[in-house]
C-alpha atoms as a PDB file:
ATOM      1  CA  MET A   1       3.574   9.956   9.059  1.00  0.00           C
ATOM      2  CA  ALA A   2       4.667   8.859   6.054  1.00  0.00           C
ATOM      3  CA  GLU A   3       8.347   8.180   7.054  1.00  0.00           C
ATOM      4  CA  SER A   4       7.123   6.573  10.783  1.00  0.00           C
ATOM      5  CA  PHE A   5       6.465   2.752   9.444  1.00  0.00           C
ATOM      6  CA  GLY A   6      10.059   1.704   9.466  1.00  0.00           C
ATOM      7  CA  SER A   7       9.623   2.509  12.995  1.00  0.00           C
ATOM      8  CA  ASP A   8       9.273  -1.181  13.383  1.00  0.00           C
ATOM      9  CA  ALA A   9      10.122  -2.814   9.831  1.00  0.00           C
ATOM     10  CA  GLU A  10      10.296  -6.455  10.806  1.00  0.00           C
ATOM     11  CA  ARG A  11       6.819  -5.992  12.089  1.00  0.00           C
ATOM     12  CA  TYR A  12       5.542  -4.234   9.281  1.00  0.00           C
ATOM     13  CA  ASP A  13       6.999  -6.993   7.001  1.00  0.00           C
ATOM     14  CA  ARG A  14       5.759  -9.493   8.692  1.00  0.00           C
ATOM     15  CA  ALA A  15       1.970  -8.525   9.667  1.00  0.00           C
ATOM     16  CA  ARG A  16       0.964  -6.333   6.575  1.00  0.00           C
ATOM     17  CA  PRO A  17      -1.508  -8.044   3.968  1.00  0.00           C
ATOM     18  CA  ARG A  18      -0.172  -9.108   0.761  1.00  0.00           C
ATOM     19  CA  TYR A  19      -1.860  -8.390  -2.347  1.00  0.00           C
ATOM     20  CA  PRO A  20      -4.238 -10.594  -4.236  1.00  0.00           C
ATOM     21  CA  ASP A  21      -2.791 -13.101  -7.217  1.00  0.00           C
ATOM     22  CA  ALA A  22      -5.100 -11.606  -9.783  1.00  0.00           C
ATOM     23  CA  LEU A  23      -3.994  -8.094  -9.485  1.00  0.00           C
ATOM     24  CA  VAL A  24      -0.396  -8.999 -10.079  1.00  0.00           C
ATOM     25  CA  ALA A  25      -1.164 -11.078 -12.628  1.00  0.00           C
ATOM     26  CA  ALA A  26      -3.504  -8.439 -14.482  1.00  0.00           C
ATOM     27  CA  ILE A  27      -0.180  -5.927 -14.240  1.00  0.00           C
ATOM     28  CA  VAL A  28       1.906  -8.197 -15.736  1.00  0.00           C
ATOM     29  CA  ALA A  29      -0.231  -9.422 -18.254  1.00  0.00           C
ATOM     30  CA  GLY A  30      -0.912  -5.687 -19.152  1.00  0.00           C
ATOM     31  CA  SER A  31       2.911  -4.767 -19.522  1.00  0.00           C
ATOM     32  CA  PRO A  32       5.371  -5.037 -22.182  1.00  0.00           C
ATOM     33  CA  GLY A  33       8.249  -6.635 -20.468  1.00  0.00           C
ATOM     34  CA  PRO A  34       9.306  -8.203 -17.218  1.00  0.00           C
ATOM     35  CA  GLU A  35      10.681  -5.017 -15.523  1.00  0.00           C
ATOM     36  CA  VAL A  36       9.064  -3.379 -12.834  1.00  0.00           C
ATOM     37  CA  LEU A  37      10.044  -0.534 -10.492  1.00  0.00           C
ATOM     38  CA  ASP A  38       8.351  -0.491  -7.319  1.00  0.00           C
ATOM     39  CA  VAL A  39       7.684   3.210  -5.889  1.00  0.00           C
ATOM     40  CA  GLY A  40       7.208   3.266  -2.202  1.00  0.00           C
ATOM     41  CA  CYS A  41       8.530  -0.315  -2.032  1.00  0.00           C
ATOM     42  CA  GLY A  42       8.721  -0.627   1.898  1.00  0.00           C
ATOM     43  CA  THR A  43       9.996  -3.882   2.948  1.00  0.00           C
ATOM     44  CA  GLY A  44       9.236  -5.321  -0.580  1.00  0.00           C
ATOM     45  CA  ILE A  45       6.125  -7.157   0.395  1.00  0.00           C
ATOM     46  CA  ALA A  46       4.700  -6.290  -3.371  1.00  0.00           C
ATOM     47  CA  ALA A  47       8.116  -6.925  -4.909  1.00  0.00           C
ATOM     48  CA  ARG A  48       8.536 -10.365  -4.177  1.00  0.00           C
ATOM     49  CA  GLN A  49       4.892 -10.945  -5.373  1.00  0.00           C
ATOM     50  CA  PHE A  50       6.071  -9.565  -8.713  1.00  0.00           C
ATOM     51  CA  GLN A  51       9.513 -11.458  -8.565  1.00  0.00           C
ATOM     52  CA  ALA A  52       7.594 -14.439  -8.160  1.00  0.00           C
ATOM     53  CA  ALA A  53       5.620 -14.016 -11.027  1.00  0.00           C
ATOM     54  CA  GLY A  54       8.770 -13.672 -13.199  1.00  0.00           C
ATOM     55  CA  CYS A  55       9.616 -10.343 -12.863  1.00  0.00           C
ATOM     56  CA  LYS A  56      12.926  -8.737 -12.162  1.00  0.00           C
ATOM     57  CA  VAL A  57      12.137  -5.543  -9.881  1.00  0.00           C
ATOM     58  CA  LEU A  58      14.216  -2.585  -8.335  1.00  0.00           C
ATOM     59  CA  GLY A  59      12.480  -0.745  -5.477  1.00  0.00           C
ATOM     60  CA  VAL A  60      12.805   2.783  -4.229  1.00  0.00           C
ATOM     61  CA  ASP A  61      11.899   4.057  -0.925  1.00  0.00           C
ATOM     62  CA  VAL A  62      12.079   7.413   1.156  1.00  0.00           C
ATOM     63  CA  ASP A  63      12.838   5.117   4.486  1.00  0.00           C
ATOM     64  CA  ALA A  64      16.480   3.603   4.850  1.00  0.00           C
ATOM     65  CA  ARG A  65      15.163   1.387   7.631  1.00  0.00           C
ATOM     66  CA  MET A  66      12.820  -0.289   5.339  1.00  0.00           C
ATOM     67  CA  VAL A  67      15.165  -0.670   2.402  1.00  0.00           C
ATOM     68  CA  ASP A  68      17.391  -2.363   4.363  1.00  0.00           C
ATOM     69  CA  LEU A  69      14.956  -4.916   5.220  1.00  0.00           C
ATOM     70  CA  ALA A  70      14.260  -5.172   1.689  1.00  0.00           C
ATOM     71  CA  ARG A  71      17.720  -5.800   0.459  1.00  0.00           C
ATOM     72  CA  ARG A  72      17.820  -8.608   2.978  1.00  0.00           C
ATOM     73  CA  SER A  73      15.400 -10.660   1.215  1.00  0.00           C
ATOM     74  CA  GLN A  74      17.381 -10.011  -1.975  1.00  0.00           C
ATOM     75  CA  LEU A  75      15.708  -7.073  -3.216  1.00  0.00           C
ATOM     76  CA  ALA A  76      17.639  -4.420  -5.429  1.00  0.00           C
ATOM     77  CA  ALA A  77      16.300  -1.157  -3.464  1.00  0.00           C
ATOM     78  CA  GLU A  78      17.819   2.520  -3.576  1.00  0.00           C
ATOM     79  CA  VAL A  79      16.690   4.957  -0.876  1.00  0.00           C
ATOM     80  CA  ALA A  80      15.307   8.386  -2.121  1.00  0.00           C
ATOM     81  CA  ALA A  81      12.031  10.566  -2.465  1.00  0.00           C
ATOM     82  CA  PHE A  82      10.804   9.010  -5.673  1.00  0.00           C
ATOM     83  CA  GLU A  83       9.837  12.471  -7.273  1.00  0.00           C
ATOM     84  CA  ALA A  84      13.680  13.134  -7.069  1.00  0.00           C
ATOM     85  CA  TRP A  85      14.953  10.099  -7.835  1.00  0.00           C
ATOM     86  CA  ASP A  86      17.937   9.766 -10.377  1.00  0.00           C
ATOM     87  CA  PRO A  87      16.893   6.879 -12.544  1.00  0.00           C
ATOM     88  CA  ALA A  88      20.608   6.890 -14.272  1.00  0.00           C
ATOM     89  CA  GLY A  89      19.073   6.284 -17.771  1.00  0.00           C
ATOM     90  CA  ARG A  90      17.306   2.863 -16.763  1.00  0.00           C
ATOM     91  CA  ASP A  91      13.537   2.370 -17.999  1.00  0.00           C
ATOM     92  CA  PHE A  92      11.068  -0.002 -17.318  1.00  0.00           C
ATOM     93  CA  ASP A  93       8.078  -1.889 -18.412  1.00  0.00           C
ATOM     94  CA  ALA A  94       5.935  -1.508 -15.503  1.00  0.00           C
ATOM     95  CA  VAL A  95       5.966   1.261 -12.469  1.00  0.00           C
ATOM     96  CA  ILE A  96       3.927   0.152  -9.691  1.00  0.00           C
ATOM     97  CA  SER A  97       3.365   1.539  -6.108  1.00  0.00           C
ATOM     98  CA  GLY A  98       1.572  -0.258  -2.859  1.00  0.00           C
ATOM     99  CA  GLN A  99       0.023   1.906  -0.336  1.00  0.00           C
ATOM    100  CA  THR A 100       2.354   4.609  -1.198  1.00  0.00           C
ATOM    101  CA  TRP A 101       1.022   6.889  -3.921  1.00  0.00           C
ATOM    102  CA  HIS A 102      -0.996   9.040  -2.092  1.00  0.00           C
ATOM    103  CA  TRP A 103       2.083  10.042   0.138  1.00  0.00           C
ATOM    104  CA  LEU A 104       3.818  11.671  -3.306  1.00  0.00           C
ATOM    105  CA  ASP A 105       3.126  14.802  -4.941  1.00  0.00           C
ATOM    106  CA  ALA A 106       0.535  13.020  -7.919  1.00  0.00           C
ATOM    107  CA  ALA A 107       1.616  15.089 -10.687  1.00  0.00           C
ATOM    108  CA  ALA A 108       5.209  15.449 -10.167  1.00  0.00           C
ATOM    109  CA  ALA A 109       5.173  11.568  -9.635  1.00  0.00           C
ATOM    110  CA  ALA A 110       2.865  10.874 -12.521  1.00  0.00           C
ATOM    111  CA  ALA A 111       5.628  12.679 -14.684  1.00  0.00           C
ATOM    112  CA  LYS A 112       8.590  10.896 -13.114  1.00  0.00           C
ATOM    113  CA  ALA A 113       7.027   7.540 -13.949  1.00  0.00           C
ATOM    114  CA  ALA A 114       6.400   8.631 -17.434  1.00  0.00           C
ATOM    115  CA  GLN A 115       9.955   9.761 -17.640  1.00  0.00           C
ATOM    116  CA  VAL A 116      10.982   6.077 -16.789  1.00  0.00           C
ATOM    117  CA  LEU A 117       8.260   3.978 -18.539  1.00  0.00           C
ATOM    118  CA  ARG A 118       9.083   2.648 -21.945  1.00  0.00           C
ATOM    119  CA  PRO A 119       6.172   3.092 -24.577  1.00  0.00           C
ATOM    120  CA  GLY A 120       3.423   0.927 -23.648  1.00  0.00           C
ATOM    121  CA  GLY A 121       4.539   0.499 -20.098  1.00  0.00           C
ATOM    122  CA  ARG A 122       2.142   0.377 -16.915  1.00  0.00           C
ATOM    123  CA  LEU A 123       1.508   2.789 -14.185  1.00  0.00           C
ATOM    124  CA  ALA A 124      -0.578   0.855 -11.381  1.00  0.00           C
ATOM    125  CA  ALA A 125      -1.214   2.613  -7.836  1.00  0.00           C
ATOM    126  CA  PHE A 126      -3.181   0.298  -5.859  1.00  0.00           C
ATOM    127  CA  TRP A 127      -4.264   0.401  -2.158  1.00  0.00           C
ATOM    128  CA  ASN A 128      -5.930  -2.656  -0.016  1.00  0.00           C
ATOM    129  CA  VAL A 129      -9.044  -1.239   1.744  1.00  0.00           C
ATOM    130  CA  GLY A 130     -10.017  -3.304   4.424  1.00  0.00           C
ATOM    131  CA  GLN A 131     -13.229  -3.648   6.654  1.00  0.00           C
ATOM    132  CA  PRO A 132     -13.138  -6.059   9.801  1.00  0.00           C
ATOM    133  CA  PRO A 133     -16.040  -7.275  11.572  1.00  0.00           C
ATOM    134  CA  SER A 134     -18.390  -4.669  13.288  1.00  0.00           C
ATOM    135  CA  ASP A 135     -17.234  -5.867  16.555  1.00  0.00           C
ATOM    136  CA  VAL A 136     -13.791  -5.643  15.722  1.00  0.00           C
ATOM    137  CA  ALA A 137     -14.291  -2.130  14.428  1.00  0.00           C
ATOM    138  CA  GLU A 138     -16.380  -0.607  17.243  1.00  0.00           C
ATOM    139  CA  ALA A 139     -13.891  -2.261  19.710  1.00  0.00           C
ATOM    140  CA  ALA A 140     -11.071  -0.737  17.603  1.00  0.00           C
ATOM    141  CA  ALA A 141     -12.827   2.554  17.487  1.00  0.00           C
ATOM    142  CA  ALA A 142     -14.016   2.965  21.349  1.00  0.00           C
ATOM    143  CA  ALA A 143     -10.106   2.183  22.212  1.00  0.00           C
ATOM    144  CA  CYS A 144      -8.908   4.667  19.992  1.00  0.00           C
ATOM    145  CA  GLN A 145     -11.244   7.498  20.943  1.00  0.00           C
ATOM    146  CA  ARG A 146     -10.419   6.504  24.697  1.00  0.00           C
ATOM    147  CA  VAL A 147      -6.589   7.189  24.188  1.00  0.00           C
ATOM    148  CA  MET A 148      -6.489   9.780  21.054  1.00  0.00           C
ATOM    149  CA  PRO A 149     -10.001  11.507  21.860  1.00  0.00           C
ATOM    150  CA  ASP A 150      -8.687  14.404  19.144  1.00  0.00           C
ATOM    151  CA  ALA A 151      -7.825  12.079  16.437  1.00  0.00           C
ATOM    152  CA  PRO A 152     -10.153  11.203  13.399  1.00  0.00           C
ATOM    153  CA  PHE A 153     -10.874   7.917  13.149  1.00  0.00           C
ATOM    154  CA  THR A 154     -12.937   6.038  10.525  1.00  0.00           C
ATOM    155  CA  LEU A 155     -13.022   2.878  12.074  1.00  0.00           C
ATOM    156  CA  ARG A 156     -16.413   2.284  12.158  1.00  0.00           C
ATOM    157  CA  THR A 157     -17.502   3.079   8.924  1.00  0.00           C
ATOM    158  CA  PRO A 158     -19.291   0.515   6.651  1.00  0.00           C
ATOM    159  CA  ALA A 159     -17.614  -1.198   3.996  1.00  0.00           C
ATOM    160  CA  LYS A 160     -19.237   0.764   1.266  1.00  0.00           C
ATOM    161  CA  GLN A 161     -18.353   3.964   2.653  1.00  0.00           C
ATOM    162  CA  ALA A 162     -14.817   2.955   3.392  1.00  0.00           C
ATOM    163  CA  LEU A 163     -14.571   2.324  -0.495  1.00  0.00           C
ATOM    164  CA  ASP A 164     -15.927   5.461  -0.877  1.00  0.00           C
ATOM    165  CA  GLY A 165     -13.505   7.515   1.358  1.00  0.00           C
ATOM    166  CA  TYR A 166     -10.968   6.532  -1.124  1.00  0.00           C
ATOM    167  CA  GLN A 167     -11.970   7.972  -3.986  1.00  0.00           C
ATOM    168  CA  PRO A 168     -10.939  11.517  -3.634  1.00  0.00           C
ATOM    169  CA  LEU A 169      -7.505   9.471  -3.195  1.00  0.00           C
ATOM    170  CA  LEU A 170      -8.341   7.641  -6.764  1.00  0.00           C
ATOM    171  CA  THR A 171      -9.478  10.989  -8.453  1.00  0.00           C
ATOM    172  CA  LYS A 172      -6.225  12.850  -7.274  1.00  0.00           C
ATOM    173  CA  ALA A 173      -4.052   9.637  -8.716  1.00  0.00           C
ATOM    174  CA  ALA A 174      -5.927   9.645 -11.960  1.00  0.00           C
ATOM    175  CA  ASP A 175      -5.611  13.868 -12.387  1.00  0.00           C
ATOM    176  CA  GLY A 176      -2.164  13.688 -12.073  1.00  0.00           C
ATOM    177  CA  ILE A 177      -1.372  10.913 -14.599  1.00  0.00           C
ATOM    178  CA  ARG A 178      -3.894  13.261 -16.922  1.00  0.00           C
ATOM    179  CA  GLU A 179      -1.811  16.070 -16.065  1.00  0.00           C
ATOM    180  CA  THR A 180       1.391  14.868 -17.867  1.00  0.00           C
ATOM    181  CA  GLY A 181      -0.260  14.041 -21.116  1.00  0.00           C
ATOM    182  CA  ARG A 182       1.932  11.008 -21.616  1.00  0.00           C
ATOM    183  CA  PHE A 183      -0.530   8.429 -20.425  1.00  0.00           C
ATOM    184  CA  ASN A 184      -3.587   6.831 -21.995  1.00  0.00           C
ATOM    185  CA  PRO A 185      -6.914   7.727 -20.280  1.00  0.00           C
ATOM    186  CA  PRO A 186      -6.339   6.189 -16.372  1.00  0.00           C
ATOM    187  CA  GLU A 187      -8.608   3.162 -15.246  1.00  0.00           C
ATOM    188  CA  GLN A 188      -9.750   1.844 -12.063  1.00  0.00           C
ATOM    189  CA  TRP A 189      -9.554  -1.742 -11.412  1.00  0.00           C
ATOM    190  CA  ARG A 190     -10.920  -3.502  -8.041  1.00  0.00           C
ATOM    191  CA  PHE A 191     -10.179  -6.699  -6.689  1.00  0.00           C
ATOM    192  CA  ASP A 192     -12.171  -8.333  -3.784  1.00  0.00           C
ATOM    193  CA  TRP A 193     -10.999 -11.005  -1.979  1.00  0.00           C
ATOM    194  CA  GLN A 194     -10.963 -12.001   2.259  1.00  0.00           C
ATOM    195  CA  CYS A 195      -8.121 -13.076   4.802  1.00  0.00           C
ATOM    196  CA  SER A 196      -8.591 -14.800   7.862  1.00  0.00           C
ATOM    197  CA  TYR A 197      -6.837 -13.433  11.249  1.00  0.00           C
ATOM    198  CA  THR A 198      -6.191 -15.165  14.451  1.00  0.00           C
ATOM    199  CA  ARG A 199      -6.116 -12.579  17.457  1.00  0.00           C
ATOM    200  CA  ASP A 200      -2.360 -12.376  17.629  1.00  0.00           C
ATOM    201  CA  ALA A 201      -2.134 -12.183  13.880  1.00  0.00           C
ATOM    202  CA  TRP A 202      -4.316  -9.078  13.814  1.00  0.00           C
ATOM    203  CA  LEU A 203      -2.906  -7.338  16.971  1.00  0.00           C
ATOM    204  CA  ASP A 204       0.285  -7.707  15.272  1.00  0.00           C
ATOM    205  CA  GLN A 205      -0.714  -5.893  12.335  1.00  0.00           C
ATOM    206  CA  LEU A 206      -2.587  -3.175  13.830  1.00  0.00           C
ATOM    207  CA  PRO A 207       0.189  -1.286  15.251  1.00  0.00           C
ATOM    208  CA  THR A 208       1.822  -0.826  11.509  1.00  0.00           C
ATOM    209  CA  HIS A 209      -1.257   1.146  10.449  1.00  0.00           C
ATOM    210  CA  GLY A 210      -0.077   4.882   9.994  1.00  0.00           C
ATOM    211  CA  VAL A 211      -2.201   6.629  12.934  1.00  0.00           C
ATOM    212  CA  PHE A 212      -0.795   4.075  15.460  1.00  0.00           C
ATOM    213  CA  THR A 213       3.137   4.226  14.477  1.00  0.00           C
ATOM    214  CA  GLN A 214       3.868   7.330  16.449  1.00  0.00           C
ATOM    215  CA  LEU A 215       1.482   6.443  19.289  1.00  0.00           C
ATOM    216  CA  PRO A 216       3.262   6.063  23.025  1.00  0.00           C
ATOM    217  CA  PRO A 217       3.750   2.126  23.897  1.00  0.00           C
ATOM    218  CA  ASP A 218       1.257   2.555  26.440  1.00  0.00           C
ATOM    219  CA  LYS A 219      -1.503   3.760  24.717  1.00  0.00           C
ATOM    220  CA  MET A 220      -0.687   1.093  22.204  1.00  0.00           C
ATOM    221  CA  ALA A 221      -1.189  -1.450  24.728  1.00  0.00           C
ATOM    222  CA  GLU A 222      -4.248  -0.245  25.901  1.00  0.00           C
ATOM    223  CA  VAL A 223      -5.668  -0.403  22.746  1.00  0.00           C
ATOM    224  CA  LEU A 224      -4.549  -4.117  21.625  1.00  0.00           C
ATOM    225  CA  GLN A 225      -5.575  -5.194  25.200  1.00  0.00           C
ATOM    226  CA  HIS A 226      -9.061  -3.962  24.605  1.00  0.00           C
ATOM    227  CA  VAL A 227      -9.393  -5.238  20.923  1.00  0.00           C
ATOM    228  CA  GLY A 228      -8.030  -8.612  21.647  1.00  0.00           C
ATOM    229  CA  SER A 229     -10.842  -9.242  24.213  1.00  0.00           C
ATOM    230  CA  THR A 230     -12.917  -8.499  21.495  1.00  0.00           C
ATOM    231  CA  ILE A 231     -11.628 -10.737  19.256  1.00  0.00           C
ATOM    232  CA  ASP A 232     -11.192 -13.357  21.828  1.00  0.00           C
ATOM    233  CA  ALA A 233     -15.419 -13.058  22.525  1.00  0.00           C
ATOM    234  CA  LEU A 234     -15.731 -13.796  18.956  1.00  0.00           C
ATOM    235  CA  GLY A 235     -13.880 -17.366  19.507  1.00  0.00           C
ATOM    236  CA  GLY A 236     -10.080 -16.058  18.769  1.00  0.00           C
ATOM    237  CA  SER A 237     -10.067 -15.376  14.998  1.00  0.00           C
ATOM    238  CA  PHE A 238     -12.239 -13.402  12.424  1.00  0.00           C
ATOM    239  CA  THR A 239     -12.434 -13.323   8.550  1.00  0.00           C
ATOM    240  CA  MET A 240     -11.313  -9.858   7.031  1.00  0.00           C
ATOM    241  CA  SER A 241     -12.820  -8.484   3.598  1.00  0.00           C
ATOM    242  CA  TYR A 242     -10.468  -6.492   1.451  1.00  0.00           C
ATOM    243  CA  ALA A 243     -10.531  -4.686  -1.928  1.00  0.00           C
ATOM    244  CA  THR A 244      -7.698  -3.916  -3.428  1.00  0.00           C
ATOM    245  CA  VAL A 245      -8.368  -0.591  -5.458  1.00  0.00           C
ATOM    246  CA  THR A 246      -6.145   0.484  -8.284  1.00  0.00           C
ATOM    247  CA  VAL A 247      -5.515   3.327 -10.903  1.00  0.00           C
ATOM    248  CA  THR A 248      -3.617   2.303 -13.584  1.00  0.00           C
ATOM    249  CA  ALA A 249      -2.667   3.750 -17.083  1.00  0.00           C
ATOM    250  CA  THR A 250      -0.261   2.731 -19.855  1.00  0.00           C
ATOM    251  CA  ARG A 251       2.428   5.108 -21.195  1.00  0.00           C
ATOM    252  CA  THR A 252       1.820   6.492 -24.842  1.00  0.00           C
ATOM    253  CA  GLY A 253       4.053   5.895 -27.652  1.00  0.00           C
ATOM    254  CA  GLY A 254       5.173   9.455 -28.206  1.00  0.00           C
ATOM    255  CA  PRO A 255       8.261  11.650 -25.971  1.00  0.00           C
END
């Protein structure tokens, strides 16, 4: 699944949510300089936000299709699995990773981040946790259970429980950072924000989520039809609540 997102890279880039400006500002302010490595850069969504904040960004991603699109937006990017990537002597002030760190070996990835970070450099792995209105979530869950009865779904999960569901992921990331012995104690940050979606905008994003990326077109069309009808009944749009959760730590000054 980790390598399936590039199946429609243009849609992914167009439809996936961005990250809150407050997160970008906090990472930039907490880093010793402007040179950033974006791990799992995908199409460059996070990278472009950091470039807009004055950073010089290099991306690394395992999916050549995503990297190709990122390069078209003038992002320097390389194709590689991060744990095996050769930094060729380069080092950075920050290593960031949006929606990706959980696909990596947490300990090996943290060790590679420590290798390429300058003393005082910041590692920040972050995820957008979204919770649509209950009507939209119920419609998606019902349609998914109909077309994929054996697949696990948490689309009905209340917002607090959705965030709780991310805690094992955050804990694993923090444990990997501690295991290196090369970072100060990791912290968790959280940024709450909202985004309004029209019917078409939400239906454009839905197929980019991991559970849907390998769904046959006829099954995906059934899910979209059912969810679209529900959004129509709500007046054609809705407001999505997001929490962007982050595990972050700074590199110690030692070797």
